[in-house]
Amino acid sequence: MNGPHRNVTRVIEAGAALGITVVPRGFPEGTRTAADAAAAIGVGVGQIVKSLIFAVDGELTLAYVSGSNQLDEAKLALAAGGERCSRVDADAVRDATGFPIGGVPPFGHATTLRVFVDPDLLQYDEVWAAAGTWHDVFALTPQQLVAASGGLVVDLRRTPNA
């Protein structure tokens, strides 16, 4: 295959429209999990942006969570002003974003979703997000992540024994 995957091209173009230079890094072995991505890139797992899509009272929402944290679904529901938070399937993720699970980037989505951002991501100078596929990632600042996604920074962490 010559050149980047069409999804990666879409992320590069969406980033450029937002004033963000996307420089994708490909890892043929994949970066499906936060631990895989951190090991491949050579950064701490907390610097990996997990893109998680859930339905809150039926409305699809997107949460960007630090790779070292687990999402608390009740906190996401509360942040979104809803009562019930539930997982969605891979088809719903692809329909809403245009990207596969494990490859959802911070921008360039097929539809506009409400976005919530884990404040733990803000402690880093640089975080790494999916660039449209399971194999491609790129770096950006947490401030770029929040601004580009229009995300609301709110505590989404599952606390131990919760």
N, C-alpha and C. Protein backbone atom coordinates (compact mmCIF):
# COMPACT_ATOMS: atom_id res chain seq x y z
N MET A 1 0.85 -1.18 0.00
CA MET A 1 0.00 0.00 0.00
C MET A 1 0.89 1.24 0.00
N ASN A 2 0.67 2.11 -0.94
CA ASN A 2 1.45 3.34 -1.02
C ASN A 2 0.77 4.45 -0.24
N GLY A 3 1.57 5.19 0.54
CA GLY A 3 1.02 6.30 1.31
C GLY A 3 0.22 5.82 2.49
N PRO A 4 -0.26 6.77 3.27
CA PRO A 4 -1.02 6.41 4.48
C PRO A 4 -2.40 5.85 4.14
N HIS A 5 -2.93 5.09 5.07
CA HIS A 5 -4.30 4.58 4.98
C HIS A 5 -5.26 5.76 4.83
N ARG A 6 -6.37 5.57 4.13
CA ARG A 6 -7.33 6.68 3.90
C ARG A 6 -7.82 7.28 5.22
N ASN A 7 -7.96 6.46 6.28
CA ASN A 7 -8.38 7.00 7.57
C ASN A 7 -7.33 7.95 8.14
N VAL A 8 -6.06 7.58 7.98
CA VAL A 8 -4.96 8.42 8.48
C VAL A 8 -4.94 9.73 7.70
N THR A 9 -5.14 9.65 6.40
CA THR A 9 -5.20 10.86 5.58
C THR A 9 -6.32 11.77 6.06
N ARG A 10 -7.46 11.18 6.40
CA ARG A 10 -8.59 11.97 6.90
C ARG A 10 -8.23 12.69 8.21
N VAL A 11 -7.50 12.00 9.10
CA VAL A 11 -7.08 12.59 10.37
C VAL A 11 -6.07 13.72 10.12
N ILE A 12 -5.13 13.50 9.20
CA ILE A 12 -4.15 14.54 8.87
C ILE A 12 -4.87 15.78 8.36
N GLU A 13 -5.83 15.59 7.47
CA GLU A 13 -6.56 16.72 6.89
C GLU A 13 -7.43 17.43 7.94
N ALA A 14 -8.09 16.65 8.80
CA ALA A 14 -8.91 17.25 9.86
C ALA A 14 -8.04 18.03 10.83
N GLY A 15 -6.87 17.49 11.16
CA GLY A 15 -5.94 18.19 12.04
C GLY A 15 -5.48 19.50 11.42
N ALA A 16 -5.15 19.46 10.13
CA ALA A 16 -4.69 20.67 9.44
C ALA A 16 -5.76 21.76 9.47
N ALA A 17 -7.02 21.35 9.31
CA ALA A 17 -8.12 22.31 9.35
C ALA A 17 -8.26 22.97 10.73
N LEU A 18 -7.76 22.28 11.75
CA LEU A 18 -7.81 22.79 13.12
C LEU A 18 -6.49 23.45 13.55
N GLY A 19 -5.53 23.50 12.64
CA GLY A 19 -4.23 24.09 12.96
C GLY A 19 -3.30 23.14 13.70
N ILE A 20 -3.57 21.84 13.60
CA ILE A 20 -2.75 20.84 14.27
C ILE A 20 -2.02 20.01 13.22
N THR A 21 -0.71 19.95 13.33
CA THR A 21 0.08 19.13 12.41
C THR A 21 0.10 17.70 12.93
N VAL A 22 -0.52 16.81 12.19
CA VAL A 22 -0.56 15.40 12.55
C VAL A 22 0.58 14.69 11.84
N VAL A 23 1.49 14.11 12.63
CA VAL A 23 2.60 13.33 12.09
C VAL A 23 2.38 11.90 12.57
N PRO A 24 1.74 11.07 11.74
CA PRO A 24 1.42 9.71 12.18
C PRO A 24 2.65 8.83 12.28
N ARG A 25 2.60 7.95 13.26
CA ARG A 25 3.62 6.90 13.40
C ARG A 25 2.91 5.57 13.32
N GLY A 26 3.37 4.73 12.40
CA GLY A 26 2.75 3.43 12.21
C GLY A 26 3.49 2.33 12.94
N PHE A 27 2.72 1.41 13.49
CA PHE A 27 3.26 0.25 14.19
C PHE A 27 2.56 -0.99 13.66
N PRO A 28 3.21 -1.73 12.76
CA PRO A 28 2.56 -2.88 12.12
C PRO A 28 2.03 -3.91 13.12
N GLU A 29 2.65 -4.01 14.29
CA GLU A 29 2.19 -4.97 15.29
C GLU A 29 0.91 -4.50 15.98
N GLY A 30 0.55 -3.26 15.76
CA GLY A 30 -0.71 -2.74 16.30
C GLY A 30 -0.54 -1.99 17.60
N THR A 31 -1.51 -1.14 17.87
CA THR A 31 -1.55 -0.35 19.10
C THR A 31 -2.98 -0.39 19.64
N ARG A 32 -3.56 -1.58 19.66
CA ARG A 32 -4.97 -1.71 20.04
C ARG A 32 -5.25 -1.36 21.49
N THR A 33 -4.34 -1.70 22.39
CA THR A 33 -4.56 -1.38 23.80
C THR A 33 -3.63 -0.24 24.21
N ALA A 34 -3.96 0.41 25.31
CA ALA A 34 -3.11 1.49 25.81
C ALA A 34 -1.72 0.96 26.13
N ALA A 35 -1.65 -0.22 26.71
CA ALA A 35 -0.34 -0.80 27.05
C ALA A 35 0.46 -1.10 25.78
N ASP A 36 -0.19 -1.63 24.74
CA ASP A 36 0.49 -1.90 23.47
C ASP A 36 1.04 -0.60 22.88
N ALA A 37 0.20 0.43 22.88
CA ALA A 37 0.60 1.70 22.30
C ALA A 37 1.76 2.31 23.07
N ALA A 38 1.67 2.32 24.39
CA ALA A 38 2.73 2.90 25.21
C ALA A 38 4.06 2.18 24.99
N ALA A 39 4.01 0.84 24.93
CA ALA A 39 5.23 0.07 24.72
C ALA A 39 5.82 0.35 23.33
N ALA A 40 4.97 0.42 22.33
CA ALA A 40 5.45 0.66 20.96
C ALA A 40 6.07 2.05 20.82
N ILE A 41 5.44 3.04 21.42
CA ILE A 41 5.89 4.43 21.29
C ILE A 41 7.07 4.72 22.21
N GLY A 42 7.07 4.06 23.39
CA GLY A 42 8.12 4.31 24.38
C GLY A 42 7.75 5.41 25.35
N VAL A 43 6.46 5.49 25.69
CA VAL A 43 5.98 6.49 26.65
C VAL A 43 5.22 5.77 27.76
N GLY A 44 4.87 6.51 28.81
CA GLY A 44 4.08 5.95 29.89
C GLY A 44 2.65 5.69 29.43
N VAL A 45 2.03 4.68 29.99
CA VAL A 45 0.67 4.31 29.59
C VAL A 45 -0.32 5.45 29.85
N GLY A 46 -0.04 6.30 30.83
CA GLY A 46 -0.91 7.43 31.13
C GLY A 46 -0.98 8.45 30.00
N GLN A 47 0.03 8.45 29.11
CA GLN A 47 0.06 9.39 27.99
C GLN A 47 -0.75 8.92 26.79
N ILE A 48 -1.32 7.75 26.87
CA ILE A 48 -2.14 7.23 25.78
C ILE A 48 -3.57 7.69 25.98
N VAL A 49 -4.15 8.23 24.92
CA VAL A 49 -5.54 8.69 24.94
C VAL A 49 -6.44 7.54 24.50
N LYS A 50 -7.23 7.04 25.43
CA LYS A 50 -8.22 6.02 25.07
C LYS A 50 -9.49 6.76 24.64
N SER A 51 -9.98 6.45 23.45
CA SER A 51 -11.22 7.04 22.93
C SER A 51 -12.34 6.04 23.16
N LEU A 52 -13.24 6.38 24.08
CA LEU A 52 -14.31 5.45 24.47
C LEU A 52 -15.67 6.05 24.14
N ILE A 53 -16.47 5.30 23.43
CA ILE A 53 -17.81 5.75 23.04
C ILE A 53 -18.83 4.98 23.86
N PHE A 54 -19.72 5.74 24.48
CA PHE A 54 -20.80 5.16 25.27
C PHE A 54 -22.10 5.86 24.93
N ALA A 55 -23.21 5.21 25.21
CA ALA A 55 -24.51 5.85 25.07
C ALA A 55 -24.96 6.28 26.46
N VAL A 56 -25.28 7.56 26.60
CA VAL A 56 -25.82 8.08 27.86
C VAL A 56 -27.28 8.41 27.58
N ASP A 57 -28.16 7.65 28.20
CA ASP A 57 -29.60 7.77 27.94
C ASP A 57 -29.87 7.75 26.44
N GLY A 58 -29.13 6.92 25.72
CA GLY A 58 -29.33 6.74 24.29
C GLY A 58 -28.51 7.66 23.40
N GLU A 59 -27.93 8.73 23.96
CA GLU A 59 -27.11 9.66 23.17
C GLU A 59 -25.65 9.20 23.18
N LEU A 60 -25.06 9.03 21.99
CA LEU A 60 -23.67 8.63 21.94
C LEU A 60 -22.79 9.77 22.41
N THR A 61 -21.86 9.45 23.30
CA THR A 61 -20.90 10.41 23.82
C THR A 61 -19.51 9.81 23.72
N LEU A 62 -18.52 10.67 23.72
CA LEU A 62 -17.14 10.25 23.57
C LEU A 62 -16.35 10.70 24.78
N ALA A 63 -15.59 9.79 25.35
CA ALA A 63 -14.74 10.11 26.50
C ALA A 63 -13.29 9.82 26.13
N TYR A 64 -12.43 10.82 26.36
CA TYR A 64 -10.99 10.62 26.19
C TYR A 64 -10.42 10.40 27.58
N VAL A 65 -9.90 9.20 27.79
CA VAL A 65 -9.44 8.78 29.12
C VAL A 65 -7.97 8.41 29.06
N SER A 66 -7.23 8.81 30.08
CA SER A 66 -5.83 8.43 30.20
C SER A 66 -5.70 6.90 30.19
N GLY A 67 -4.70 6.41 29.47
CA GLY A 67 -4.48 4.97 29.37
C GLY A 67 -4.28 4.28 30.70
N SER A 68 -3.92 5.03 31.74
CA SER A 68 -3.71 4.42 33.05
C SER A 68 -4.98 4.37 33.89
N ASN A 69 -6.07 4.93 33.37
CA ASN A 69 -7.33 4.98 34.12
C ASN A 69 -8.41 4.11 33.49
N GLN A 70 -9.37 3.73 34.33
CA GLN A 70 -10.58 3.06 33.88
C GLN A 70 -11.71 4.08 33.95
N LEU A 71 -12.61 4.04 32.98
CA LEU A 71 -13.74 4.96 32.96
C LEU A 71 -14.80 4.53 33.97
N ASP A 72 -15.31 5.48 34.73
CA ASP A 72 -16.43 5.25 35.62
C ASP A 72 -17.69 5.66 34.85
N GLU A 73 -18.48 4.67 34.46
CA GLU A 73 -19.65 4.94 33.63
C GLU A 73 -20.66 5.85 34.33
N ALA A 74 -20.79 5.73 35.64
CA ALA A 74 -21.71 6.59 36.38
C ALA A 74 -21.26 8.05 36.32
N LYS A 75 -19.94 8.28 36.40
CA LYS A 75 -19.42 9.65 36.31
C LYS A 75 -19.65 10.23 34.92
N LEU A 76 -19.50 9.39 33.88
CA LEU A 76 -19.76 9.87 32.53
C LEU A 76 -21.23 10.23 32.36
N ALA A 77 -22.11 9.39 32.87
CA ALA A 77 -23.55 9.68 32.78
C ALA A 77 -23.87 11.00 33.48
N LEU A 78 -23.32 11.19 34.66
CA LEU A 78 -23.55 12.42 35.41
C LEU A 78 -23.02 13.65 34.65
N ALA A 79 -21.81 13.54 34.11
CA ALA A 79 -21.21 14.64 33.36
C ALA A 79 -22.05 15.01 32.14
N ALA A 80 -22.68 14.00 31.53
CA ALA A 80 -23.49 14.23 30.34
C ALA A 80 -24.93 14.61 30.68
N GLY A 81 -25.24 14.69 31.98
CA GLY A 81 -26.58 15.08 32.39
C GLY A 81 -27.60 13.98 32.23
N GLY A 82 -27.12 12.74 32.21
CA GLY A 82 -28.01 11.61 32.05
C GLY A 82 -28.02 10.71 33.27
N GLU A 83 -28.73 9.62 33.14
CA GLU A 83 -28.84 8.67 34.25
C GLU A 83 -28.19 7.33 33.95
N ARG A 84 -28.27 6.89 32.69
CA ARG A 84 -27.81 5.55 32.37
C ARG A 84 -26.75 5.59 31.28
N CYS A 85 -25.64 4.93 31.54
CA CYS A 85 -24.54 4.86 30.59
C CYS A 85 -24.37 3.40 30.19
N SER A 86 -24.27 3.16 28.89
CA SER A 86 -24.10 1.79 28.42
C SER A 86 -23.11 1.73 27.26
N ARG A 87 -22.48 0.58 27.12
CA ARG A 87 -21.54 0.36 26.03
C ARG A 87 -22.29 0.30 24.71
N VAL A 88 -21.59 0.61 23.64
CA VAL A 88 -22.15 0.46 22.31
C VAL A 88 -21.27 -0.50 21.52
N ASP A 89 -21.82 -1.05 20.45
CA ASP A 89 -21.05 -2.03 19.68
C ASP A 89 -20.15 -1.36 18.64
N ALA A 90 -19.32 -2.17 18.01
CA ALA A 90 -18.35 -1.67 17.05
C ALA A 90 -19.01 -0.96 15.88
N ASP A 91 -20.18 -1.44 15.45
CA ASP A 91 -20.88 -0.79 14.34
C ASP A 91 -21.33 0.61 14.72
N ALA A 92 -21.81 0.78 15.94
CA ALA A 92 -22.24 2.11 16.40
C ALA A 92 -21.06 3.07 16.45
N VAL A 93 -19.90 2.58 16.90
CA VAL A 93 -18.68 3.40 16.94
C VAL A 93 -18.30 3.83 15.53
N ARG A 94 -18.28 2.88 14.60
CA ARG A 94 -17.89 3.20 13.22
C ARG A 94 -18.91 4.15 12.57
N ASP A 95 -20.20 3.92 12.82
CA ASP A 95 -21.24 4.80 12.26
C ASP A 95 -21.10 6.23 12.77
N ALA A 96 -20.81 6.38 14.06
CA ALA A 96 -20.74 7.71 14.68
C ALA A 96 -19.45 8.45 14.33
N THR A 97 -18.35 7.70 14.23
CA THR A 97 -17.06 8.36 14.04
C THR A 97 -16.47 8.18 12.65
N GLY A 98 -16.83 7.08 11.99
CA GLY A 98 -16.20 6.75 10.72
C GLY A 98 -14.91 5.97 10.90
N PHE A 99 -14.61 5.59 12.15
CA PHE A 99 -13.37 4.88 12.45
C PHE A 99 -13.67 3.62 13.27
N PRO A 100 -12.76 2.63 13.22
CA PRO A 100 -12.96 1.41 13.99
C PRO A 100 -12.58 1.61 15.46
N ILE A 101 -13.14 0.77 16.32
CA ILE A 101 -12.71 0.74 17.72
C ILE A 101 -11.20 0.50 17.72
N GLY A 102 -10.49 1.23 18.56
CA GLY A 102 -9.04 1.12 18.61
C GLY A 102 -8.33 2.08 17.68
N GLY A 103 -9.10 2.75 16.80
CA GLY A 103 -8.51 3.68 15.86
C GLY A 103 -9.17 5.04 15.87
N VAL A 104 -10.06 5.30 16.86
CA VAL A 104 -10.82 6.55 16.89
C VAL A 104 -9.92 7.71 17.30
N PRO A 105 -9.73 8.69 16.41
CA PRO A 105 -8.89 9.85 16.70
C PRO A 105 -9.68 10.94 17.42
N PRO A 106 -9.01 12.02 17.82
CA PRO A 106 -9.71 13.10 18.52
C PRO A 106 -10.54 14.01 17.61
N PHE A 107 -10.38 13.91 16.30
CA PHE A 107 -11.13 14.76 15.38
C PHE A 107 -11.26 14.06 14.03
N GLY A 108 -12.10 14.66 13.17
CA GLY A 108 -12.33 14.06 11.85
C GLY A 108 -13.47 13.07 11.84
N HIS A 109 -14.33 13.14 12.84
CA HIS A 109 -15.43 12.17 12.97
C HIS A 109 -16.54 12.42 11.96
N ALA A 110 -17.30 11.36 11.68
CA ALA A 110 -18.42 11.43 10.74
C ALA A 110 -19.57 12.26 11.31
N THR A 111 -19.74 12.26 12.62
CA THR A 111 -20.81 13.02 13.27
C THR A 111 -20.22 13.80 14.44
N THR A 112 -20.98 14.75 14.94
CA THR A 112 -20.54 15.54 16.09
C THR A 112 -21.05 14.87 17.36
N LEU A 113 -20.13 14.58 18.26
CA LEU A 113 -20.48 13.95 19.53
C LEU A 113 -20.10 14.88 20.68
N ARG A 114 -20.82 14.76 21.78
CA ARG A 114 -20.39 15.45 23.00
C ARG A 114 -19.15 14.73 23.52
N VAL A 115 -18.17 15.52 23.97
CA VAL A 115 -16.88 14.97 24.35
C VAL A 115 -16.54 15.35 25.78
N PHE A 116 -15.98 14.39 26.50
CA PHE A 116 -15.54 14.58 27.88
C PHE A 116 -14.09 14.11 27.98
N VAL A 117 -13.26 14.87 28.70
CA VAL A 117 -11.83 14.60 28.75
C VAL A 117 -11.39 14.38 30.19
N ASP A 118 -10.67 13.29 30.40
CA ASP A 118 -10.08 12.95 31.69
C ASP A 118 -9.01 13.98 32.05
N PRO A 119 -9.14 14.66 33.20
CA PRO A 119 -8.14 15.67 33.56
C PRO A 119 -6.74 15.10 33.76
N ASP A 120 -6.61 13.81 34.00
CA ASP A 120 -5.27 13.22 34.17
C ASP A 120 -4.42 13.37 32.91
N LEU A 121 -5.05 13.51 31.75
CA LEU A 121 -4.29 13.71 30.52
C LEU A 121 -3.57 15.06 30.51
N LEU A 122 -4.09 16.02 31.28
CA LEU A 122 -3.54 17.38 31.25
C LEU A 122 -2.19 17.51 31.94
N GLN A 123 -1.76 16.49 32.67
CA GLN A 123 -0.48 16.58 33.37
C GLN A 123 0.72 16.35 32.47
N TYR A 124 0.47 15.92 31.23
CA TYR A 124 1.57 15.58 30.32
C TYR A 124 1.82 16.71 29.33
N ASP A 125 3.08 16.81 28.88
CA ASP A 125 3.42 17.76 27.82
C ASP A 125 2.91 17.27 26.48
N GLU A 126 2.83 15.95 26.36
CA GLU A 126 2.44 15.33 25.09
C GLU A 126 1.64 14.07 25.38
N VAL A 127 0.57 13.88 24.62
CA VAL A 127 -0.21 12.64 24.71
C VAL A 127 -0.29 12.05 23.31
N TRP A 128 -0.65 10.78 23.24
CA TRP A 128 -0.69 10.06 21.97
C TRP A 128 -2.08 9.51 21.75
N ALA A 129 -2.61 9.78 20.56
CA ALA A 129 -3.96 9.35 20.21
C ALA A 129 -3.92 8.51 18.93
N ALA A 130 -4.97 7.74 18.73
CA ALA A 130 -5.11 6.97 17.50
C ALA A 130 -5.22 7.92 16.32
N ALA A 131 -4.68 7.49 15.19
CA ALA A 131 -4.71 8.30 13.98
C ALA A 131 -5.61 7.68 12.91
N GLY A 132 -6.64 6.95 13.34
CA GLY A 132 -7.61 6.44 12.39
C GLY A 132 -7.59 4.94 12.17
N THR A 133 -6.52 4.27 12.63
CA THR A 133 -6.43 2.81 12.49
C THR A 133 -5.87 2.23 13.78
N TRP A 134 -5.86 0.92 13.86
CA TRP A 134 -5.29 0.21 15.02
C TRP A 134 -3.77 0.28 15.03
N HIS A 135 -3.20 0.70 13.91
CA HIS A 135 -1.75 0.66 13.75
C HIS A 135 -1.08 2.03 13.77
N ASP A 136 -1.87 3.09 13.74
CA ASP A 136 -1.30 4.42 13.59
C ASP A 136 -1.69 5.33 14.76
N VAL A 137 -0.70 6.09 15.24
CA VAL A 137 -0.91 7.02 16.35
C VAL A 137 -0.20 8.33 16.03
N PHE A 138 -0.53 9.37 16.78
CA PHE A 138 0.17 10.64 16.63
C PHE A 138 0.17 11.36 17.97
N ALA A 139 1.12 12.29 18.09
CA ALA A 139 1.27 13.06 19.33
C ALA A 139 0.59 14.41 19.18
N LEU A 140 0.06 14.89 20.30
CA LEU A 140 -0.47 16.24 20.39
C LEU A 140 -0.41 16.66 21.84
N THR A 141 -0.61 17.94 22.10
CA THR A 141 -0.61 18.38 23.49
C THR A 141 -2.01 18.15 24.07
N PRO A 142 -2.11 18.00 25.37
CA PRO A 142 -3.45 17.87 25.97
C PRO A 142 -4.33 19.07 25.67
N GLN A 143 -3.72 20.25 25.58
CA GLN A 143 -4.48 21.46 25.28
C GLN A 143 -5.06 21.39 23.87
N GLN A 144 -4.29 20.85 22.93
CA GLN A 144 -4.80 20.66 21.56
C GLN A 144 -5.95 19.65 21.57
N LEU A 145 -5.81 18.59 22.35
CA LEU A 145 -6.85 17.56 22.45
C LEU A 145 -8.16 18.18 22.92
N VAL A 146 -8.10 18.98 23.98
CA VAL A 146 -9.30 19.60 24.54
C VAL A 146 -9.90 20.59 23.54
N ALA A 147 -9.06 21.46 22.98
CA ALA A 147 -9.55 22.49 22.06
C ALA A 147 -10.12 21.87 20.78
N ALA A 148 -9.41 20.91 20.20
CA ALA A 148 -9.84 20.33 18.93
C ALA A 148 -11.11 19.51 19.06
N SER A 149 -11.29 18.89 20.21
CA SER A 149 -12.46 18.04 20.42
C SER A 149 -13.64 18.81 21.00
N GLY A 150 -13.37 20.03 21.49
CA GLY A 150 -14.44 20.77 22.17
C GLY A 150 -14.85 20.08 23.45
N GLY A 151 -13.92 19.33 24.02
CA GLY A 151 -14.23 18.50 25.18
C GLY A 151 -14.35 19.26 26.48
N LEU A 152 -15.18 18.74 27.35
CA LEU A 152 -15.34 19.24 28.71
C LEU A 152 -14.44 18.41 29.61
N VAL A 153 -13.52 19.07 30.33
CA VAL A 153 -12.62 18.36 31.23
C VAL A 153 -13.38 18.07 32.51
N VAL A 154 -13.49 16.78 32.84
CA VAL A 154 -14.26 16.35 34.01
C VAL A 154 -13.72 15.02 34.51
N ASP A 155 -13.76 14.82 35.81
CA ASP A 155 -13.26 13.58 36.40
C ASP A 155 -14.12 12.40 35.94
N LEU A 156 -13.49 11.47 35.25
CA LEU A 156 -14.17 10.28 34.74
C LEU A 156 -13.59 8.98 35.31
N ARG A 157 -12.61 9.11 36.21
CA ARG A 157 -11.88 7.95 36.70
C ARG A 157 -12.71 7.08 37.63
N ARG A 158 -12.57 5.79 37.41
CA ARG A 158 -13.12 4.84 38.35
C ARG A 158 -12.15 4.78 39.51
N THR A 159 -12.67 5.00 40.71
CA THR A 159 -11.81 4.93 41.88
C THR A 159 -11.73 3.48 42.34
N PRO A 160 -10.60 3.09 42.89
CA PRO A 160 -10.46 1.69 43.35
C PRO A 160 -11.60 1.33 44.32
N ASN A 161 -12.07 0.13 44.19
CA ASN A 161 -13.14 -0.42 45.03
C ASN A 161 -14.46 0.33 44.84
N ALA A 162 -14.62 0.95 43.69
CA ALA A 162 -15.90 1.66 43.43
C ALA A 162 -16.85 0.76 42.69
